[in-house]
Amino acid sequence: MKKKLLAMIMTMAAFLALMCAPAFAAEQRDSISVTGRAEEEVAPDMATLYGTLEQKAPTAAEAREGLAKKIQALVREMHLQMIPNEDVQTIRYSLEPQYIYERNSNRQKADGYLASTEYKIKVKNLDKLSAVLDKSIGAGMNVDRVEFGLNNRALYENKLLDEAVSNARARASVVARAGGRTLGTLMNATMDTTAVPVRMERSMLMAAKVQNDAAAETPTQLNAGVMTVSARVSLVFALQ
């Protein structure tokens, strides 16, 4: 009985495979897959600062209090620069004991407490970036990096997606005509967009700050350059 059932299952599977194979082959013959790409170099119009405030003290209470004062100073400076509260974001806070290694005794020794917090500050108007950067540093922030980007990234991405689709459709039409066919409906589509930010790390920022310090506290000026925004689509068209 089991052998008969197994034979029936194998027969049905083979039958389905034979039935599906022509349909699959026909679908492959009656469609075309093509990719399209578009990119553009765009000048950034906003920036994001990433930095930390730290306070070390003999006790946890003193470290917390010292950091709280630095946070108040930073927030006050951002208010003066007209940076909205929602654009000054705390992304990490810690208060931890510190230790030092004593080589003579081969053990760790308590060395006070360190309170620290990490901030992400969006500057949507690049005309304010110089002042925001210098005031942040003046408030005690260690600026780790600055990333330049776009306020309305979707505007550029949608434009480039439209161009990428047009490019893909044009290529598909050329191939279809070469085979004596025309393009039919769009059967499937996948898309992807990228916008690589311009990033300045701490070493570059420190170099700029040193030059400014030597020039009678000239405001820090950063040149964002351009960033590349790109779009890529993969399309499958029916052939008529």
Protein backbone atom coordinates (compact mmCIF):
# COMPACT_ATOMS: atom_id res chain seq x y z
CA MET A 1 0.00 0.00 0.00
CA LYS A 2 2.78 2.42 0.93
CA LYS A 3 4.63 1.64 -2.30
CA LYS A 4 1.50 2.34 -4.38
CA LEU A 5 0.93 5.65 -2.56
CA LEU A 6 4.56 6.69 -3.08
CA ALA A 7 4.33 5.80 -6.78
CA MET A 8 1.16 7.89 -7.14
CA ILE A 9 2.80 10.89 -5.45
CA MET A 10 5.87 10.66 -7.69
CA THR A 11 3.67 10.38 -10.77
CA MET A 12 1.67 13.48 -9.77
CA ALA A 13 4.86 15.45 -9.07
CA ALA A 14 6.29 14.56 -12.46
CA PHE A 15 3.01 15.53 -14.14
CA LEU A 16 2.94 18.93 -12.41
CA ALA A 17 6.57 19.55 -13.36
CA LEU A 18 5.78 18.84 -17.02
CA MET A 19 2.75 21.11 -16.88
CA CYS A 20 4.63 24.02 -15.22
CA ALA A 21 7.77 23.86 -17.34
CA PRO A 22 6.17 25.10 -20.58
CA ALA A 23 4.38 27.88 -18.72
CA PHE A 24 7.62 28.99 -17.11
CA ALA A 25 9.48 28.84 -20.41
CA ALA A 26 6.71 30.84 -22.09
CA GLU A 27 6.85 33.45 -19.36
CA GLN A 28 10.62 33.75 -19.82
CA ARG A 29 10.16 34.18 -23.59
CA ASP A 30 7.41 36.76 -23.18
CA SER A 31 9.15 39.11 -20.73
CA ILE A 32 12.31 41.17 -20.47
CA SER A 33 14.32 42.18 -17.39
CA VAL A 34 16.29 45.42 -17.40
CA THR A 35 18.00 47.75 -14.94
CA GLY A 36 18.25 51.53 -14.92
CA ARG A 37 20.38 53.93 -12.90
CA ALA A 38 20.60 57.68 -12.37
CA GLU A 39 22.75 59.81 -10.08
CA GLU A 40 23.41 63.46 -9.34
CA GLU A 41 25.96 65.46 -7.37
CA VAL A 42 24.14 67.76 -4.96
CA ALA A 43 25.39 70.47 -2.61
CA PRO A 44 24.35 69.64 1.00
CA ASP A 45 22.02 72.08 2.71
CA MET A 46 22.13 70.79 6.31
CA ALA A 47 24.54 69.20 8.78
CA THR A 48 24.45 66.98 11.85
CA LEU A 49 26.96 67.32 14.69
CA TYR A 50 27.83 64.32 16.86
CA GLY A 51 29.68 65.00 20.10
CA THR A 52 30.05 64.24 23.79
CA LEU A 53 30.05 66.13 27.07
CA GLU A 54 32.08 64.64 29.93
CA GLN A 55 32.70 65.40 33.59
CA LYS A 56 35.04 63.47 35.86
CA ALA A 57 34.90 63.95 39.65
CA PRO A 58 35.82 62.13 42.89
CA THR A 59 32.18 61.24 43.60
CA ALA A 60 29.22 60.24 41.46
CA ALA A 61 27.21 63.21 42.75
CA GLU A 62 29.92 65.68 41.76
CA ALA A 63 30.33 64.11 38.32
CA ARG A 64 26.58 64.24 37.72
CA GLU A 65 26.34 67.84 38.89
CA GLY A 66 29.25 68.96 36.75
CA LEU A 67 27.82 67.31 33.67
CA ALA A 68 24.39 68.79 34.34
CA LYS A 69 25.91 72.28 34.26
CA LYS A 70 27.64 71.55 30.95
CA ILE A 71 24.37 70.27 29.51
CA GLN A 72 22.61 73.47 30.58
CA ALA A 73 25.34 75.55 28.96
CA LEU A 74 25.08 73.60 25.69
CA VAL A 75 21.28 73.82 25.58
CA ARG A 76 21.42 77.55 26.32
CA GLU A 77 23.87 78.13 23.48
CA MET A 78 21.69 76.15 21.07
CA HIS A 79 18.66 78.23 22.06
CA LEU A 80 20.65 81.39 21.33
CA GLN A 81 21.46 79.99 17.90
CA MET A 82 17.74 79.31 17.31
CA ILE A 83 18.18 75.54 17.12
CA PRO A 84 14.80 73.88 17.97
CA ASN A 85 14.65 71.54 20.98
CA GLU A 86 13.76 68.57 18.77
CA ASP A 87 17.01 69.07 16.85
CA VAL A 88 19.16 68.75 19.99
CA GLN A 89 18.90 65.05 20.79
CA THR A 90 20.49 63.09 23.65
CA ILE A 91 21.43 59.65 22.30
CA ARG A 92 23.43 58.30 25.25
CA TYR A 93 24.00 59.04 28.95
CA SER A 94 26.26 57.21 31.41
CA LEU A 95 27.68 57.60 34.92
CA GLU A 96 30.35 55.03 35.69
CA PRO A 97 33.16 54.46 38.21
CA GLN A 98 36.67 54.80 36.87
CA TYR A 99 39.74 52.72 37.68
CA ILE A 100 43.47 52.95 37.16
CA TYR A 101 45.89 50.05 37.06
CA GLU A 102 48.64 50.03 39.67
CA ARG A 103 51.59 48.15 38.31
CA ASN A 104 53.30 47.77 41.70
CA SER A 105 50.34 46.05 43.36
CA ASN A 106 49.08 44.46 40.14
CA ARG A 107 45.51 45.56 40.80
CA GLN A 108 42.99 48.22 39.90
CA LYS A 109 42.37 51.26 42.07
CA ALA A 110 39.23 53.38 42.18
CA ASP A 111 39.72 56.71 40.39
CA GLY A 112 36.48 58.63 40.77
CA TYR A 113 33.49 58.73 38.44
CA LEU A 114 32.91 59.79 34.85
CA ALA A 115 29.57 61.19 33.70
CA SER A 116 29.14 61.53 29.97
CA THR A 117 26.41 62.14 27.43
CA GLU A 118 26.38 62.00 23.65
CA TYR A 119 24.47 64.51 21.56
CA LYS A 120 23.19 64.69 18.01
CA ILE A 121 22.53 68.25 16.85
CA LYS A 122 20.85 68.98 13.52
CA VAL A 123 21.65 72.26 11.80
CA LYS A 124 19.08 72.72 9.04
CA ASN A 125 20.55 76.05 7.92
CA LEU A 126 24.23 75.81 6.99
CA ASP A 127 24.66 79.55 7.59
CA LYS A 128 24.42 78.71 11.31
CA LEU A 129 26.88 75.80 11.25
CA SER A 130 29.99 77.81 12.04
CA ALA A 131 28.45 79.43 15.13
CA VAL A 132 26.81 76.19 16.32
CA LEU A 133 30.10 74.32 16.01
CA ASP A 134 32.16 76.93 17.86
CA LYS A 135 29.53 77.48 20.57
CA SER A 136 29.24 73.72 21.11
CA ILE A 137 32.97 73.44 21.60
CA GLY A 138 32.90 76.49 23.87
CA ALA A 139 30.26 74.75 26.02
CA GLY A 140 32.64 71.85 26.54
CA MET A 141 31.54 69.47 23.81
CA ASN A 142 34.04 67.17 22.15
CA VAL A 143 32.79 67.11 18.56
CA ASP A 144 33.38 63.65 17.12
CA ARG A 145 32.20 64.29 13.58
CA VAL A 146 30.03 66.42 11.31
CA GLU A 147 27.89 64.86 8.60
CA PHE A 148 26.51 66.97 5.77
CA GLY A 149 23.23 65.94 4.16
CA LEU A 150 19.96 67.09 2.65
CA ASN A 151 16.85 68.48 4.34
CA ASN A 152 14.60 67.06 1.62
CA ARG A 153 16.39 63.95 0.43
CA ALA A 154 13.17 62.41 -0.92
CA LEU A 155 12.81 65.26 -3.44
CA TYR A 156 16.07 64.28 -5.14
CA GLU A 157 15.46 60.54 -4.78
CA ASN A 158 12.04 60.70 -6.46
CA LYS A 159 13.46 62.72 -9.33
CA LEU A 160 16.29 60.23 -9.85
CA LEU A 161 13.93 57.26 -9.60
CA ASP A 162 11.89 58.77 -12.41
CA GLU A 163 15.04 59.15 -14.51
CA ALA A 164 16.19 55.61 -13.71
CA VAL A 165 12.80 54.18 -14.75
CA SER A 166 12.87 56.16 -18.01
CA ASN A 167 16.39 54.89 -18.66
CA ALA A 168 15.39 51.28 -18.02
CA ARG A 169 12.26 51.53 -20.17
CA ALA A 170 14.22 53.03 -23.07
CA ARG A 171 16.77 50.20 -22.96
CA ALA A 172 14.01 47.61 -22.78
CA SER A 173 12.26 49.16 -25.81
CA VAL A 174 15.45 48.97 -27.88
CA VAL A 175 15.88 45.28 -27.12
CA ALA A 176 12.21 44.53 -27.75
CA ARG A 177 12.27 46.25 -31.16
CA ALA A 178 15.38 44.29 -32.11
CA GLY A 179 13.36 41.12 -31.57
CA GLY A 180 10.32 42.41 -33.44
CA ARG A 181 8.33 42.88 -30.24
CA THR A 182 6.91 45.78 -28.23
CA LEU A 183 6.82 46.44 -24.51
CA GLY A 184 3.72 45.46 -22.60
CA THR A 185 2.75 46.03 -18.99
CA LEU A 186 5.20 46.33 -16.14
CA MET A 187 5.19 42.97 -14.33
CA ASN A 188 7.64 43.55 -11.50
CA ALA A 189 9.79 46.35 -10.09
CA THR A 190 12.41 46.75 -7.37
CA MET A 191 14.17 49.98 -6.50
CA ASP A 192 16.89 51.34 -4.27
CA THR A 193 18.22 54.82 -3.50
CA THR A 194 21.36 56.00 -1.75
CA ALA A 195 22.64 59.37 -0.60
CA VAL A 196 26.14 59.14 0.83
CA PRO A 197 26.68 61.95 3.38
CA VAL A 198 29.85 64.04 3.42
CA ARG A 199 31.55 63.21 6.71
CA MET A 200 34.24 65.14 8.56
CA GLU A 201 35.87 63.23 11.39
CA ARG A 202 37.39 64.62 14.59
CA SER A 203 40.93 64.87 13.16
CA MET A 204 39.74 67.16 10.35
CA LEU A 205 37.70 69.27 12.76
CA MET A 206 40.63 69.62 15.14
CA ALA A 207 42.89 70.74 12.29
CA ALA A 208 40.36 73.39 11.28
CA LYS A 209 40.01 74.54 14.90
CA VAL A 210 43.77 74.83 15.41
CA GLN A 211 44.06 77.02 12.32
CA ASN A 212 41.23 79.23 13.56
CA ASP A 213 42.72 79.52 17.06
CA ALA A 214 45.95 80.74 15.51
CA ALA A 215 44.02 83.39 13.60
CA ALA A 216 42.60 85.35 16.52
CA GLU A 217 39.59 83.06 17.04
CA THR A 218 38.30 83.29 13.50
CA PRO A 219 35.00 81.35 13.24
CA THR A 220 35.43 77.77 12.06
CA GLN A 221 34.50 77.40 8.40
CA LEU A 222 33.81 73.98 6.90
CA ASN A 223 33.45 73.29 3.19
CA ALA A 224 30.91 70.55 2.60
CA GLY A 225 31.61 70.08 -1.11
CA VAL A 226 29.05 67.88 -2.87
CA MET A 227 27.39 64.55 -2.15
CA THR A 228 26.18 61.92 -4.61
CA VAL A 229 22.53 60.85 -4.66
CA SER A 230 21.71 57.80 -6.77
CA ALA A 231 18.76 55.61 -7.70
CA ARG A 232 18.66 52.12 -9.19
CA VAL A 233 15.67 50.16 -10.50
CA SER A 234 15.18 46.62 -11.78
CA LEU A 235 12.11 46.21 -14.01
CA VAL A 236 10.42 43.27 -15.71
CA PHE A 237 8.17 44.06 -18.71
CA ALA A 238 5.83 41.80 -20.60
CA LEU A 239 6.52 41.52 -24.34
CA GLN A 240 3.83 41.82 -26.97
